[in-house]
Amino acid sequence: MTSNILSAGDISRAINRIAHEILEKNKGAEDLILVGIVTRGAVLSQRLQSKISEIENIQAAHGILDITLYRDDLATGKKAPEVKQTRIPYNIDGKVIVLCDDVLFTGRTIRAAIDALMDFGRPAAVQLAVLVDRGHRELPIRPDYVGKNIPTSRQMRVQVHLSETDGEDSVTVVESEK
């Protein structure tokens, strides 16, 4: 069974709200670097960058982070890792990094992303923006900015579709068959 949770309009409004919250909390975009986790986190960070640019009339710095080699499940050897591009062409020392991802679940992806970021320098702060927080944390990680909290069971899957990668904007929850 599939349930539609967010429509294209809902996603757009969530990004608009998150952009405003980021600007309010950080008193503008001057020392910000938006960093999106490959793949859909990168798309969300680009949309946030666009929205912040529209609001503040300033181009916020933007980067893309691939966490493949930092994952704690690499040793399980289920499949060969597919490393993608990391592009952070800025000095992150003393900057506020807003890490962006589509879904926050156990927190392990974010832990890996923070480890990867630290290889680039020492930011003043790392904040977390997610489109969906579905709960079930295994690590003490909490988002600063959330598009929507969606209570789920561990058996459910949250699927984020974005037009840049999937041809449409939507968030659905799929209940797995037992």
C-alpha atoms as a PDB file:
ATOM      1  CA  MET A   1       0.000   0.000   0.000  1.00  0.00           C
ATOM      2  CA  THR A   2       1.330   3.427  -0.994  1.00  0.00           C
ATOM      3  CA  SER A   3       0.310   6.719   0.627  1.00  0.00           C
ATOM      4  CA  ASN A   4       1.037  10.101  -0.893  1.00  0.00           C
ATOM      5  CA  ILE A   5       2.404  12.335   1.864  1.00  0.00           C
ATOM      6  CA  LEU A   6       3.709  15.452   0.070  1.00  0.00           C
ATOM      7  CA  SER A   7       2.749  16.895  -3.304  1.00  0.00           C
ATOM      8  CA  ALA A   8       4.922  19.116  -5.493  1.00  0.00           C
ATOM      9  CA  GLY A   9       3.284  22.174  -3.912  1.00  0.00           C
ATOM     10  CA  ASP A  10       3.906  20.847  -0.406  1.00  0.00           C
ATOM     11  CA  ILE A  11       7.594  20.274  -1.204  1.00  0.00           C
ATOM     12  CA  SER A  12       7.918  23.768  -2.656  1.00  0.00           C
ATOM     13  CA  ARG A  13       6.337  25.336   0.446  1.00  0.00           C
ATOM     14  CA  ALA A  14       8.585  23.252   2.737  1.00  0.00           C
ATOM     15  CA  ILE A  15      11.704  24.420   0.883  1.00  0.00           C
ATOM     16  CA  ASN A  16      10.505  28.016   1.050  1.00  0.00           C
ATOM     17  CA  ARG A  17       9.921  27.726   4.813  1.00  0.00           C
ATOM     18  CA  ILE A  18      13.253  25.989   5.463  1.00  0.00           C
ATOM     19  CA  ALA A  19      15.093  28.683   3.472  1.00  0.00           C
ATOM     20  CA  HIS A  20      13.491  31.406   5.598  1.00  0.00           C
ATOM     21  CA  GLU A  21      14.298  29.502   8.813  1.00  0.00           C
ATOM     22  CA  ILE A  22      17.954  29.093   7.764  1.00  0.00           C
ATOM     23  CA  LEU A  23      18.252  32.811   7.026  1.00  0.00           C
ATOM     24  CA  GLU A  24      16.561  33.782  10.277  1.00  0.00           C
ATOM     25  CA  LYS A  25      18.686  31.490  12.447  1.00  0.00           C
ATOM     26  CA  ASN A  26      21.943  32.539  10.760  1.00  0.00           C
ATOM     27  CA  LYS A  27      21.079  36.224  10.292  1.00  0.00           C
ATOM     28  CA  GLY A  28      21.536  35.970   6.548  1.00  0.00           C
ATOM     29  CA  ALA A  29      23.556  33.826   4.153  1.00  0.00           C
ATOM     30  CA  GLU A  30      26.966  35.458   4.305  1.00  0.00           C
ATOM     31  CA  ASP A  31      28.877  32.715   6.167  1.00  0.00           C
ATOM     32  CA  LEU A  32      26.736  29.786   4.992  1.00  0.00           C
ATOM     33  CA  ILE A  33      27.699  26.885   2.799  1.00  0.00           C
ATOM     34  CA  LEU A  34      24.848  24.607   1.752  1.00  0.00           C
ATOM     35  CA  VAL A  35      26.124  21.046   1.290  1.00  0.00           C
ATOM     36  CA  GLY A  36      23.847  18.410  -0.197  1.00  0.00           C
ATOM     37  CA  ILE A  37      24.348  14.694   0.288  1.00  0.00           C
ATOM     38  CA  VAL A  38      24.335  12.848  -3.051  1.00  0.00           C
ATOM     39  CA  THR A  39      21.750  12.358  -4.671  1.00  0.00           C
ATOM     40  CA  ARG A  40      18.486  13.935  -3.542  1.00  0.00           C
ATOM     41  CA  GLY A  41      20.095  15.908  -0.725  1.00  0.00           C
ATOM     42  CA  ALA A  42      22.174  17.646  -3.384  1.00  0.00           C
ATOM     43  CA  VAL A  43      19.018  18.520  -5.319  1.00  0.00           C
ATOM     44  CA  LEU A  44      17.359  19.876  -2.170  1.00  0.00           C
ATOM     45  CA  SER A  45      20.433  21.972  -1.322  1.00  0.00           C
ATOM     46  CA  GLN A  46      20.404  23.447  -4.833  1.00  0.00           C
ATOM     47  CA  ARG A  47      16.741  24.345  -4.436  1.00  0.00           C
ATOM     48  CA  LEU A  48      17.484  25.924  -1.052  1.00  0.00           C
ATOM     49  CA  GLN A  49      20.374  27.854  -2.608  1.00  0.00           C
ATOM     50  CA  SER A  50      18.023  29.142  -5.306  1.00  0.00           C
ATOM     51  CA  LYS A  51      15.367  30.157  -2.784  1.00  0.00           C
ATOM     52  CA  ILE A  52      17.912  31.865  -0.499  1.00  0.00           C
ATOM     53  CA  SER A  53      19.309  33.715  -3.514  1.00  0.00           C
ATOM     54  CA  GLU A  54      15.800  34.856  -4.422  1.00  0.00           C
ATOM     55  CA  ILE A  55      15.092  36.046  -0.843  1.00  0.00           C
ATOM     56  CA  GLU A  56      18.454  37.657   0.007  1.00  0.00           C
ATOM     57  CA  ASN A  57      19.676  38.607  -3.471  1.00  0.00           C
ATOM     58  CA  ILE A  58      22.980  36.856  -2.634  1.00  0.00           C
ATOM     59  CA  GLN A  59      24.365  33.617  -4.033  1.00  0.00           C
ATOM     60  CA  ALA A  60      24.907  31.263  -1.084  1.00  0.00           C
ATOM     61  CA  ALA A  61      27.878  28.930  -1.406  1.00  0.00           C
ATOM     62  CA  HIS A  62      26.960  25.378  -2.380  1.00  0.00           C
ATOM     63  CA  GLY A  63      28.663  21.997  -2.404  1.00  0.00           C
ATOM     64  CA  ILE A  64      27.892  18.331  -2.991  1.00  0.00           C
ATOM     65  CA  LEU A  65      29.056  15.541  -0.696  1.00  0.00           C
ATOM     66  CA  ASP A  66      29.331  11.836  -1.483  1.00  0.00           C
ATOM     67  CA  ILE A  67      29.518   9.798   1.744  1.00  0.00           C
ATOM     68  CA  THR A  68      29.952   6.357   0.181  1.00  0.00           C
ATOM     69  CA  LEU A  69      33.403   5.670   1.626  1.00  0.00           C
ATOM     70  CA  TYR A  70      32.369   6.928   5.088  1.00  0.00           C
ATOM     71  CA  ARG A  71      29.396   4.603   5.541  1.00  0.00           C
ATOM     72  CA  ASP A  72      29.551   2.170   8.464  1.00  0.00           C
ATOM     73  CA  ASP A  73      27.951  -0.621   6.424  1.00  0.00           C
ATOM     74  CA  LEU A  74      30.709  -0.840   3.791  1.00  0.00           C
ATOM     75  CA  ALA A  75      32.290  -3.798   5.582  1.00  0.00           C
ATOM     76  CA  THR A  76      29.134  -5.876   5.145  1.00  0.00           C
ATOM     77  CA  GLY A  77      30.175  -6.279   1.503  1.00  0.00           C
ATOM     78  CA  LYS A  78      26.622  -6.624   0.201  1.00  0.00           C
ATOM     79  CA  LYS A  79      27.563  -4.796  -2.972  1.00  0.00           C
ATOM     80  CA  ALA A  80      30.509  -2.860  -4.331  1.00  0.00           C
ATOM     81  CA  PRO A  81      30.296   0.829  -3.409  1.00  0.00           C
ATOM     82  CA  GLU A  82      29.585   3.261  -6.231  1.00  0.00           C
ATOM     83  CA  VAL A  83      31.544   6.419  -5.470  1.00  0.00           C
ATOM     84  CA  LYS A  84      30.079   9.615  -6.883  1.00  0.00           C
ATOM     85  CA  GLN A  85      31.366  13.167  -7.052  1.00  0.00           C
ATOM     86  CA  THR A  86      32.143  15.327  -4.023  1.00  0.00           C
ATOM     87  CA  ARG A  87      32.469  19.004  -4.842  1.00  0.00           C
ATOM     88  CA  ILE A  88      33.082  21.494  -2.046  1.00  0.00           C
ATOM     89  CA  PRO A  89      35.122  24.241  -3.733  1.00  0.00           C
ATOM     90  CA  TYR A  90      35.238  26.448  -0.645  1.00  0.00           C
ATOM     91  CA  ASN A  91      37.278  26.658   2.522  1.00  0.00           C
ATOM     92  CA  ILE A  92      34.796  25.503   5.177  1.00  0.00           C
ATOM     93  CA  ASP A  93      36.904  26.641   8.167  1.00  0.00           C
ATOM     94  CA  GLY A  94      34.817  28.940  10.346  1.00  0.00           C
ATOM     95  CA  LYS A  95      31.753  28.691   8.099  1.00  0.00           C
ATOM     96  CA  VAL A  96      28.287  27.442   8.988  1.00  0.00           C
ATOM     97  CA  ILE A  97      27.561  24.305   6.994  1.00  0.00           C
ATOM     98  CA  VAL A  98      23.925  23.458   6.341  1.00  0.00           C
ATOM     99  CA  LEU A  99      23.960  19.765   5.519  1.00  0.00           C
ATOM    100  CA  CYS A 100      20.948  18.798   3.377  1.00  0.00           C
ATOM    101  CA  ASP A 101      19.357  15.392   2.869  1.00  0.00           C
ATOM    102  CA  ASP A 102      15.995  14.080   1.734  1.00  0.00           C
ATOM    103  CA  VAL A 103      15.084  11.661   4.560  1.00  0.00           C
ATOM    104  CA  LEU A 104      16.411  11.405   8.113  1.00  0.00           C
ATOM    105  CA  PHE A 105      16.000   7.880   9.480  1.00  0.00           C
ATOM    106  CA  THR A 106      18.593   6.220  11.741  1.00  0.00           C
ATOM    107  CA  GLY A 107      21.103   9.079  11.598  1.00  0.00           C
ATOM    108  CA  ARG A 108      23.889   6.910  10.184  1.00  0.00           C
ATOM    109  CA  THR A 109      23.999   8.760   6.850  1.00  0.00           C
ATOM    110  CA  ILE A 110      24.361  12.073   8.677  1.00  0.00           C
ATOM    111  CA  ARG A 111      27.131  10.683  10.893  1.00  0.00           C
ATOM    112  CA  ALA A 112      28.994   9.597   7.769  1.00  0.00           C
ATOM    113  CA  ALA A 113      28.430  13.034   6.204  1.00  0.00           C
ATOM    114  CA  ILE A 114      29.826  14.820   9.259  1.00  0.00           C
ATOM    115  CA  ASP A 115      32.894  12.548   9.175  1.00  0.00           C
ATOM    116  CA  ALA A 116      33.377  13.360   5.482  1.00  0.00           C
ATOM    117  CA  LEU A 117      32.952  17.108   6.099  1.00  0.00           C
ATOM    118  CA  MET A 118      35.643  17.120   8.767  1.00  0.00           C
ATOM    119  CA  ASP A 119      38.144  15.996   6.124  1.00  0.00           C
ATOM    120  CA  PHE A 120      37.556  19.384   4.452  1.00  0.00           C
ATOM    121  CA  GLY A 121      38.197  21.526   7.520  1.00  0.00           C
ATOM    122  CA  ARG A 122      36.716  22.795  10.756  1.00  0.00           C
ATOM    123  CA  PRO A 123      33.375  24.545  10.311  1.00  0.00           C
ATOM    124  CA  ALA A 124      32.019  26.930  12.949  1.00  0.00           C
ATOM    125  CA  ALA A 125      28.840  24.830  13.040  1.00  0.00           C
ATOM    126  CA  VAL A 126      27.049  22.085  11.162  1.00  0.00           C
ATOM    127  CA  GLN A 127      23.278  22.385  10.876  1.00  0.00           C
ATOM    128  CA  LEU A 128      20.970  19.781   9.367  1.00  0.00           C
ATOM    129  CA  ALA A 129      18.094  20.386   6.946  1.00  0.00           C
ATOM    130  CA  VAL A 130      15.921  17.471   5.842  1.00  0.00           C
ATOM    131  CA  LEU A 131      12.781  17.262   3.777  1.00  0.00           C
ATOM    132  CA  VAL A 132      11.394  14.342   5.824  1.00  0.00           C
ATOM    133  CA  ASP A 133      12.128  13.181   9.372  1.00  0.00           C
ATOM    134  CA  ARG A 134      10.712   9.686   9.780  1.00  0.00           C
ATOM    135  CA  GLY A 135      12.070   8.898  13.258  1.00  0.00           C
ATOM    136  CA  HIS A 136      13.770   5.689  14.433  1.00  0.00           C
ATOM    137  CA  ARG A 137      17.112   7.280  15.311  1.00  0.00           C
ATOM    138  CA  GLU A 138      19.993   4.977  16.241  1.00  0.00           C
ATOM    139  CA  LEU A 139      22.397   7.866  16.845  1.00  0.00           C
ATOM    140  CA  PRO A 140      21.884  11.138  18.765  1.00  0.00           C
ATOM    141  CA  ILE A 141      21.243  13.266  15.676  1.00  0.00           C
ATOM    142  CA  ARG A 142      18.489  15.862  15.413  1.00  0.00           C
ATOM    143  CA  PRO A 143      17.603  18.071  12.433  1.00  0.00           C
ATOM    144  CA  ASP A 144      17.603  21.860  12.717  1.00  0.00           C
ATOM    145  CA  TYR A 145      15.180  22.290   9.812  1.00  0.00           C
ATOM    146  CA  VAL A 146      12.456  19.812   8.810  1.00  0.00           C
ATOM    147  CA  GLY A 147      10.015  19.939   5.919  1.00  0.00           C
ATOM    148  CA  LYS A 148       7.680  17.327   7.426  1.00  0.00           C
ATOM    149  CA  ASN A 149       7.752  14.847  10.300  1.00  0.00           C
ATOM    150  CA  ILE A 150       6.272  11.548   9.168  1.00  0.00           C
ATOM    151  CA  PRO A 151       5.804   8.886  11.834  1.00  0.00           C
ATOM    152  CA  THR A 152       6.568   5.502  10.298  1.00  0.00           C
ATOM    153  CA  SER A 153       7.198   1.938  11.295  1.00  0.00           C
ATOM    154  CA  ARG A 154      10.585   0.411  10.524  1.00  0.00           C
ATOM    155  CA  GLN A 155       8.945  -1.757   7.850  1.00  0.00           C
ATOM    156  CA  MET A 156       7.761   1.279   5.879  1.00  0.00           C
ATOM    157  CA  ARG A 157       9.814   2.990   3.191  1.00  0.00           C
ATOM    158  CA  VAL A 158       9.727   6.707   2.528  1.00  0.00           C
ATOM    159  CA  GLN A 159      10.302   7.508  -1.137  1.00  0.00           C
ATOM    160  CA  VAL A 160      11.235  11.036  -2.176  1.00  0.00           C
ATOM    161  CA  HIS A 161      10.836  11.838  -5.855  1.00  0.00           C
ATOM    162  CA  LEU A 162      12.296  15.078  -7.199  1.00  0.00           C
ATOM    163  CA  SER A 163      11.839  16.317 -10.733  1.00  0.00           C
ATOM    164  CA  GLU A 164      15.587  16.688 -11.322  1.00  0.00           C
ATOM    165  CA  THR A 165      16.205  12.979 -10.657  1.00  0.00           C
ATOM    166  CA  ASP A 166      12.803  11.305 -10.941  1.00  0.00           C
ATOM    167  CA  GLY A 167      10.705  13.465 -13.253  1.00  0.00           C
ATOM    168  CA  GLU A 168       8.225  14.554 -10.565  1.00  0.00           C
ATOM    169  CA  ASP A 169       8.043  15.992  -7.047  1.00  0.00           C
ATOM    170  CA  SER A 170       6.342  13.832  -4.433  1.00  0.00           C
ATOM    171  CA  VAL A 171       6.890  11.987  -1.178  1.00  0.00           C
ATOM    172  CA  THR A 172       5.205   8.651  -0.634  1.00  0.00           C
ATOM    173  CA  VAL A 173       5.226   6.049   2.100  1.00  0.00           C
ATOM    174  CA  VAL A 174       5.189   2.437   1.002  1.00  0.00           C
ATOM    175  CA  GLU A 175       4.157  -0.254   3.457  1.00  0.00           C
ATOM    176  CA  SER A 176       6.128  -3.406   2.888  1.00  0.00           C
ATOM    177  CA  GLU A 177       4.222  -6.618   2.464  1.00  0.00           C
ATOM    178  CA  LYS A 178       4.761  -9.139   5.238  1.00  0.00           C
END
